[in-house]
Amino acid sequence: MARHLAIAVLALAFSSRAWAGGPPPVYVVVDKVVLEPNADTPERIRIEGCFVRQTEELLRERGKGWASTFGKPVEGYVYMSIEPGKEKECRAEWTKWQKAAGTGKVVTVGACVIGGSLQDVKIRKLDEKTTQPDAVYTTDYLEAGSQRYVESDSDTFELGFAPVKDLLAFTKARQKTKTNNK
């Protein structure tokens, strides 16, 4: 009886882990962060850089590897407002976004296909104007899984992961183009 119980517990543990696993659904290389109306008491955030995200339509296609559930990297910005009731938490995370700006590091957002508002917010072209935020910023996704930057190749979803490699190559090519145009 004890042996059957142990096997059942192990089977449940391994099946739950396999189901719950998955990459962060959003990766970002941050160029610049603008806080509005000011940096002391911001109400809105604009994050500029390069983004790659999982897409809902690709996630629905069963039997695909994780890497094929991501779209192509894009350059642009997201514009979001503060979450009412979570002003302190938003501002704390926004400070972390500011620290990431210009580092060239890949920032992870979310875990296991859940990435908050950054997963779905419109990514605007850098020259596209807007006066209204496109979403409310949701907290607790920036350091989901206790990691903020992709810094090694020790895990499946880090530097060797195809969407991360694509994002870094896209960012490098974009930087080279900007440098050549100067």
C-alpha atoms as a PDB file:
ATOM      1  CA  MET A   1       0.000   0.000   0.000  1.00  0.00           C
ATOM      2  CA  ALA A   2       2.760   2.437   0.940  1.00  0.00           C
ATOM      3  CA  ARG A   3       4.552   1.668  -2.331  1.00  0.00           C
ATOM      4  CA  HIS A   4       1.414   2.500  -4.367  1.00  0.00           C
ATOM      5  CA  LEU A   5       0.957   5.723  -2.406  1.00  0.00           C
ATOM      6  CA  ALA A   6       4.603   6.722  -3.040  1.00  0.00           C
ATOM      7  CA  ILE A   7       4.232   6.040  -6.767  1.00  0.00           C
ATOM      8  CA  ALA A   8       1.023   8.073  -6.898  1.00  0.00           C
ATOM      9  CA  VAL A   9       2.652  11.014  -5.093  1.00  0.00           C
ATOM     10  CA  LEU A  10       5.675  10.933  -7.427  1.00  0.00           C
ATOM     11  CA  ALA A  11       3.470  10.735 -10.511  1.00  0.00           C
ATOM     12  CA  LEU A  12       1.406  13.691  -9.321  1.00  0.00           C
ATOM     13  CA  ALA A  13       4.504  15.734  -8.491  1.00  0.00           C
ATOM     14  CA  PHE A  14       6.140  15.134 -11.869  1.00  0.00           C
ATOM     15  CA  SER A  15       2.964  15.687 -13.885  1.00  0.00           C
ATOM     16  CA  SER A  16       2.226  18.953 -12.052  1.00  0.00           C
ATOM     17  CA  ARG A  17       5.725  20.222 -12.661  1.00  0.00           C
ATOM     18  CA  ALA A  18       5.567  19.407 -16.357  1.00  0.00           C
ATOM     19  CA  TRP A  19       2.241  21.181 -16.722  1.00  0.00           C
ATOM     20  CA  ALA A  20       3.241  24.263 -14.735  1.00  0.00           C
ATOM     21  CA  GLY A  21       6.632  24.807 -16.377  1.00  0.00           C
ATOM     22  CA  GLY A  22       7.278  27.199 -19.165  1.00  0.00           C
ATOM     23  CA  PRO A  23       9.301  30.220 -20.148  1.00  0.00           C
ATOM     24  CA  PRO A  24       8.686  33.804 -19.168  1.00  0.00           C
ATOM     25  CA  PRO A  25       6.217  35.019 -21.823  1.00  0.00           C
ATOM     26  CA  VAL A  26       7.957  38.383 -22.308  1.00  0.00           C
ATOM     27  CA  TYR A  27      11.611  39.269 -22.825  1.00  0.00           C
ATOM     28  CA  VAL A  28      12.736  42.911 -23.121  1.00  0.00           C
ATOM     29  CA  VAL A  29      16.003  44.737 -23.827  1.00  0.00           C
ATOM     30  CA  VAL A  30      15.311  48.173 -22.339  1.00  0.00           C
ATOM     31  CA  ASP A  31      16.802  51.260 -23.974  1.00  0.00           C
ATOM     32  CA  LYS A  32      15.028  54.006 -22.074  1.00  0.00           C
ATOM     33  CA  VAL A  33      12.371  54.526 -19.405  1.00  0.00           C
ATOM     34  CA  VAL A  34      10.327  57.704 -19.139  1.00  0.00           C
ATOM     35  CA  LEU A  35       8.254  58.360 -16.005  1.00  0.00           C
ATOM     36  CA  GLU A  36       5.395  60.872 -16.213  1.00  0.00           C
ATOM     37  CA  PRO A  37       4.531  63.466 -15.113  1.00  0.00           C
ATOM     38  CA  ASN A  38       7.805  63.353 -13.129  1.00  0.00           C
ATOM     39  CA  ALA A  39      10.248  60.869 -11.617  1.00  0.00           C
ATOM     40  CA  ASP A  40       9.296  61.698  -8.000  1.00  0.00           C
ATOM     41  CA  THR A  41       5.610  60.715  -8.172  1.00  0.00           C
ATOM     42  CA  PRO A  42       5.067  59.066 -11.543  1.00  0.00           C
ATOM     43  CA  GLU A  43       1.612  58.057 -12.707  1.00  0.00           C
ATOM     44  CA  ARG A  44       2.652  56.594 -16.077  1.00  0.00           C
ATOM     45  CA  ILE A  45       5.603  54.672 -17.526  1.00  0.00           C
ATOM     46  CA  ARG A  46       6.949  54.457 -21.055  1.00  0.00           C
ATOM     47  CA  ILE A  47       9.381  51.571 -21.620  1.00  0.00           C
ATOM     48  CA  GLU A  48      11.340  51.816 -24.872  1.00  0.00           C
ATOM     49  CA  GLY A  49      13.377  48.994 -26.335  1.00  0.00           C
ATOM     50  CA  CYS A  50      13.094  45.654 -28.078  1.00  0.00           C
ATOM     51  CA  PHE A  51      10.453  43.116 -27.109  1.00  0.00           C
ATOM     52  CA  VAL A  52       9.664  39.495 -27.884  1.00  0.00           C
ATOM     53  CA  ARG A  53       6.491  37.875 -26.526  1.00  0.00           C
ATOM     54  CA  GLN A  54       4.569  34.656 -26.610  1.00  0.00           C
ATOM     55  CA  THR A  55       1.474  35.000 -28.715  1.00  0.00           C
ATOM     56  CA  GLU A  56      -1.891  33.567 -27.794  1.00  0.00           C
ATOM     57  CA  GLU A  57      -2.514  32.182 -31.271  1.00  0.00           C
ATOM     58  CA  LEU A  58       0.790  30.280 -31.263  1.00  0.00           C
ATOM     59  CA  LEU A  59       0.161  29.004 -27.724  1.00  0.00           C
ATOM     60  CA  ARG A  60      -3.121  27.433 -28.907  1.00  0.00           C
ATOM     61  CA  GLU A  61      -1.298  25.261 -31.428  1.00  0.00           C
ATOM     62  CA  ARG A  62      -0.641  22.018 -29.548  1.00  0.00           C
ATOM     63  CA  GLY A  63       2.505  19.989 -29.946  1.00  0.00           C
ATOM     64  CA  LYS A  64       4.806  22.923 -30.672  1.00  0.00           C
ATOM     65  CA  GLY A  65       8.022  23.526 -28.786  1.00  0.00           C
ATOM     66  CA  TRP A  66       8.128  26.542 -26.470  1.00  0.00           C
ATOM     67  CA  ALA A  67      10.404  28.514 -28.788  1.00  0.00           C
ATOM     68  CA  SER A  68       7.849  28.406 -31.587  1.00  0.00           C
ATOM     69  CA  THR A  69       5.187  30.069 -29.400  1.00  0.00           C
ATOM     70  CA  PHE A  70       7.002  33.429 -29.577  1.00  0.00           C
ATOM     71  CA  GLY A  71       6.543  36.110 -32.207  1.00  0.00           C
ATOM     72  CA  LYS A  72       9.366  38.002 -33.876  1.00  0.00           C
ATOM     73  CA  PRO A  73      11.296  40.644 -31.901  1.00  0.00           C
ATOM     74  CA  VAL A  74      10.047  44.198 -32.379  1.00  0.00           C
ATOM     75  CA  GLU A  75      11.360  47.649 -31.519  1.00  0.00           C
ATOM     76  CA  GLY A  76       9.055  50.169 -29.897  1.00  0.00           C
ATOM     77  CA  TYR A  77       7.584  51.246 -26.615  1.00  0.00           C
ATOM     78  CA  VAL A  78       4.811  50.375 -24.212  1.00  0.00           C
ATOM     79  CA  TYR A  79       2.893  53.072 -22.356  1.00  0.00           C
ATOM     80  CA  MET A  80       1.063  52.188 -19.149  1.00  0.00           C
ATOM     81  CA  SER A  81      -0.555  53.862 -16.165  1.00  0.00           C
ATOM     82  CA  ILE A  82      -0.113  53.138 -12.492  1.00  0.00           C
ATOM     83  CA  GLU A  83      -2.296  50.428 -10.945  1.00  0.00           C
ATOM     84  CA  PRO A  84      -4.755  52.043  -8.497  1.00  0.00           C
ATOM     85  CA  GLY A  85      -4.128  50.808  -4.971  1.00  0.00           C
ATOM     86  CA  LYS A  86      -0.648  49.542  -5.907  1.00  0.00           C
ATOM     87  CA  GLU A  87       1.131  52.852  -6.405  1.00  0.00           C
ATOM     88  CA  LYS A  88       4.020  51.962  -4.084  1.00  0.00           C
ATOM     89  CA  GLU A  89       4.569  48.559  -5.748  1.00  0.00           C
ATOM     90  CA  CYS A  90       4.384  50.034  -9.270  1.00  0.00           C
ATOM     91  CA  ARG A  91       6.883  52.758  -8.480  1.00  0.00           C
ATOM     92  CA  ALA A  92       9.262  50.215  -6.915  1.00  0.00           C
ATOM     93  CA  GLU A  93       9.144  48.091 -10.074  1.00  0.00           C
ATOM     94  CA  TRP A  94       9.476  51.151 -12.295  1.00  0.00           C
ATOM     95  CA  THR A  95      12.745  51.970 -10.512  1.00  0.00           C
ATOM     96  CA  LYS A  96      13.968  48.490 -11.485  1.00  0.00           C
ATOM     97  CA  TRP A  97      12.993  49.151 -15.109  1.00  0.00           C
ATOM     98  CA  GLN A  98      15.042  52.363 -14.980  1.00  0.00           C
ATOM     99  CA  LYS A  99      18.061  50.407 -13.704  1.00  0.00           C
ATOM    100  CA  ALA A 100      17.724  47.964 -16.614  1.00  0.00           C
ATOM    101  CA  ALA A 101      17.677  50.755 -19.222  1.00  0.00           C
ATOM    102  CA  GLY A 102      20.769  50.891 -21.375  1.00  0.00           C
ATOM    103  CA  THR A 103      22.392  47.769 -19.907  1.00  0.00           C
ATOM    104  CA  GLY A 104      21.780  45.617 -22.990  1.00  0.00           C
ATOM    105  CA  LYS A 105      20.627  42.808 -20.724  1.00  0.00           C
ATOM    106  CA  VAL A 106      17.500  40.784 -21.430  1.00  0.00           C
ATOM    107  CA  VAL A 107      14.809  41.357 -18.797  1.00  0.00           C
ATOM    108  CA  THR A 108      12.339  38.548 -18.110  1.00  0.00           C
ATOM    109  CA  VAL A 109       8.689  39.270 -17.391  1.00  0.00           C
ATOM    110  CA  GLY A 110       6.355  36.660 -15.951  1.00  0.00           C
ATOM    111  CA  ALA A 111       6.580  32.901 -15.766  1.00  0.00           C
ATOM    112  CA  CYS A 112       4.736  29.890 -17.112  1.00  0.00           C
ATOM    113  CA  VAL A 113       2.861  31.810 -19.870  1.00  0.00           C
ATOM    114  CA  ILE A 114       1.539  34.498 -17.496  1.00  0.00           C
ATOM    115  CA  GLY A 115       3.056  37.959 -17.899  1.00  0.00           C
ATOM    116  CA  GLY A 116       0.557  40.536 -16.706  1.00  0.00           C
ATOM    117  CA  SER A 117      -0.169  43.634 -18.762  1.00  0.00           C
ATOM    118  CA  LEU A 118       3.202  43.509 -20.539  1.00  0.00           C
ATOM    119  CA  GLN A 119       2.116  40.322 -22.250  1.00  0.00           C
ATOM    120  CA  ASP A 120      -0.726  42.012 -24.131  1.00  0.00           C
ATOM    121  CA  VAL A 121      -0.162  45.775 -24.102  1.00  0.00           C
ATOM    122  CA  LYS A 122       0.226  47.373 -27.519  1.00  0.00           C
ATOM    123  CA  ILE A 123       3.840  47.883 -28.572  1.00  0.00           C
ATOM    124  CA  ARG A 124       3.924  51.206 -30.377  1.00  0.00           C
ATOM    125  CA  LYS A 125       6.514  52.329 -32.920  1.00  0.00           C
ATOM    126  CA  LEU A 126       8.981  54.794 -31.420  1.00  0.00           C
ATOM    127  CA  ASP A 127       7.669  57.679 -33.543  1.00  0.00           C
ATOM    128  CA  GLU A 128       4.004  56.861 -32.870  1.00  0.00           C
ATOM    129  CA  LYS A 129       2.319  59.412 -30.625  1.00  0.00           C
ATOM    130  CA  THR A 130      -0.289  58.754 -27.954  1.00  0.00           C
ATOM    131  CA  THR A 131      -1.720  60.753 -25.092  1.00  0.00           C
ATOM    132  CA  GLN A 132      -3.431  57.882 -23.281  1.00  0.00           C
ATOM    133  CA  PRO A 133      -1.773  54.820 -21.722  1.00  0.00           C
ATOM    134  CA  ASP A 134      -2.654  51.566 -23.463  1.00  0.00           C
ATOM    135  CA  ALA A 135      -2.938  49.508 -20.270  1.00  0.00           C
ATOM    136  CA  VAL A 136      -2.683  49.569 -16.508  1.00  0.00           C
ATOM    137  CA  TYR A 137       0.712  48.307 -15.315  1.00  0.00           C
ATOM    138  CA  THR A 138       0.356  45.092 -13.304  1.00  0.00           C
ATOM    139  CA  THR A 139       2.893  44.357 -10.601  1.00  0.00           C
ATOM    140  CA  ASP A 140       4.565  41.113  -9.513  1.00  0.00           C
ATOM    141  CA  TYR A 141       5.542  39.916 -12.995  1.00  0.00           C
ATOM    142  CA  LEU A 142       8.916  41.634 -13.319  1.00  0.00           C
ATOM    143  CA  GLU A 143      10.716  39.213 -11.029  1.00  0.00           C
ATOM    144  CA  ALA A 144       8.445  36.203 -11.263  1.00  0.00           C
ATOM    145  CA  GLY A 145      10.530  33.122 -10.649  1.00  0.00           C
ATOM    146  CA  SER A 146      13.000  35.310  -8.695  1.00  0.00           C
ATOM    147  CA  GLN A 147      14.986  36.272 -11.784  1.00  0.00           C
ATOM    148  CA  ARG A 148      15.104  39.602 -13.562  1.00  0.00           C
ATOM    149  CA  TYR A 149      17.869  39.171 -16.165  1.00  0.00           C
ATOM    150  CA  VAL A 150      18.802  36.386 -18.532  1.00  0.00           C
ATOM    151  CA  GLU A 151      22.495  36.026 -17.737  1.00  0.00           C
ATOM    152  CA  SER A 152      23.578  32.454 -18.352  1.00  0.00           C
ATOM    153  CA  ASP A 153      22.877  29.382 -20.393  1.00  0.00           C
ATOM    154  CA  SER A 154      22.329  27.170 -17.369  1.00  0.00           C
ATOM    155  CA  ASP A 155      18.567  26.944 -17.805  1.00  0.00           C
ATOM    156  CA  THR A 156      16.377  26.021 -20.755  1.00  0.00           C
ATOM    157  CA  PHE A 157      14.853  29.481 -21.110  1.00  0.00           C
ATOM    158  CA  GLU A 158      18.013  31.589 -20.874  1.00  0.00           C
ATOM    159  CA  LEU A 159      20.668  32.723 -23.388  1.00  0.00           C
ATOM    160  CA  GLY A 160      20.458  29.579 -25.516  1.00  0.00           C
ATOM    161  CA  PHE A 161      16.663  29.802 -25.862  1.00  0.00           C
ATOM    162  CA  ALA A 162      15.787  30.697 -29.478  1.00  0.00           C
ATOM    163  CA  PRO A 163      13.537  33.726 -28.687  1.00  0.00           C
ATOM    164  CA  VAL A 164      16.260  35.200 -26.433  1.00  0.00           C
ATOM    165  CA  LYS A 165      18.922  34.631 -29.112  1.00  0.00           C
ATOM    166  CA  ASP A 166      16.611  36.211 -31.709  1.00  0.00           C
ATOM    167  CA  LEU A 167      15.989  39.212 -29.447  1.00  0.00           C
ATOM    168  CA  LEU A 168      19.708  39.757 -28.820  1.00  0.00           C
ATOM    169  CA  ALA A 169      20.520  39.419 -32.541  1.00  0.00           C
ATOM    170  CA  PHE A 170      17.698  41.843 -33.411  1.00  0.00           C
ATOM    171  CA  THR A 171      18.938  44.340 -30.806  1.00  0.00           C
ATOM    172  CA  LYS A 172      22.520  44.068 -32.048  1.00  0.00           C
ATOM    173  CA  ALA A 173      21.476  44.558 -35.695  1.00  0.00           C
ATOM    174  CA  ARG A 174      19.344  47.562 -34.726  1.00  0.00           C
ATOM    175  CA  GLN A 175      22.258  49.127 -32.811  1.00  0.00           C
ATOM    176  CA  LYS A 176      24.571  48.557 -35.781  1.00  0.00           C
ATOM    177  CA  THR A 177      22.079  50.231 -38.121  1.00  0.00           C
ATOM    178  CA  LYS A 178      21.712  53.225 -35.786  1.00  0.00           C
ATOM    179  CA  THR A 179      25.499  53.553 -35.510  1.00  0.00           C
ATOM    180  CA  ASN A 180      25.947  53.402 -39.318  1.00  0.00           C
ATOM    181  CA  ASN A 181      23.247  56.060 -39.832  1.00  0.00           C
ATOM    182  CA  LYS A 182      25.057  58.600 -37.634  1.00  0.00           C
END
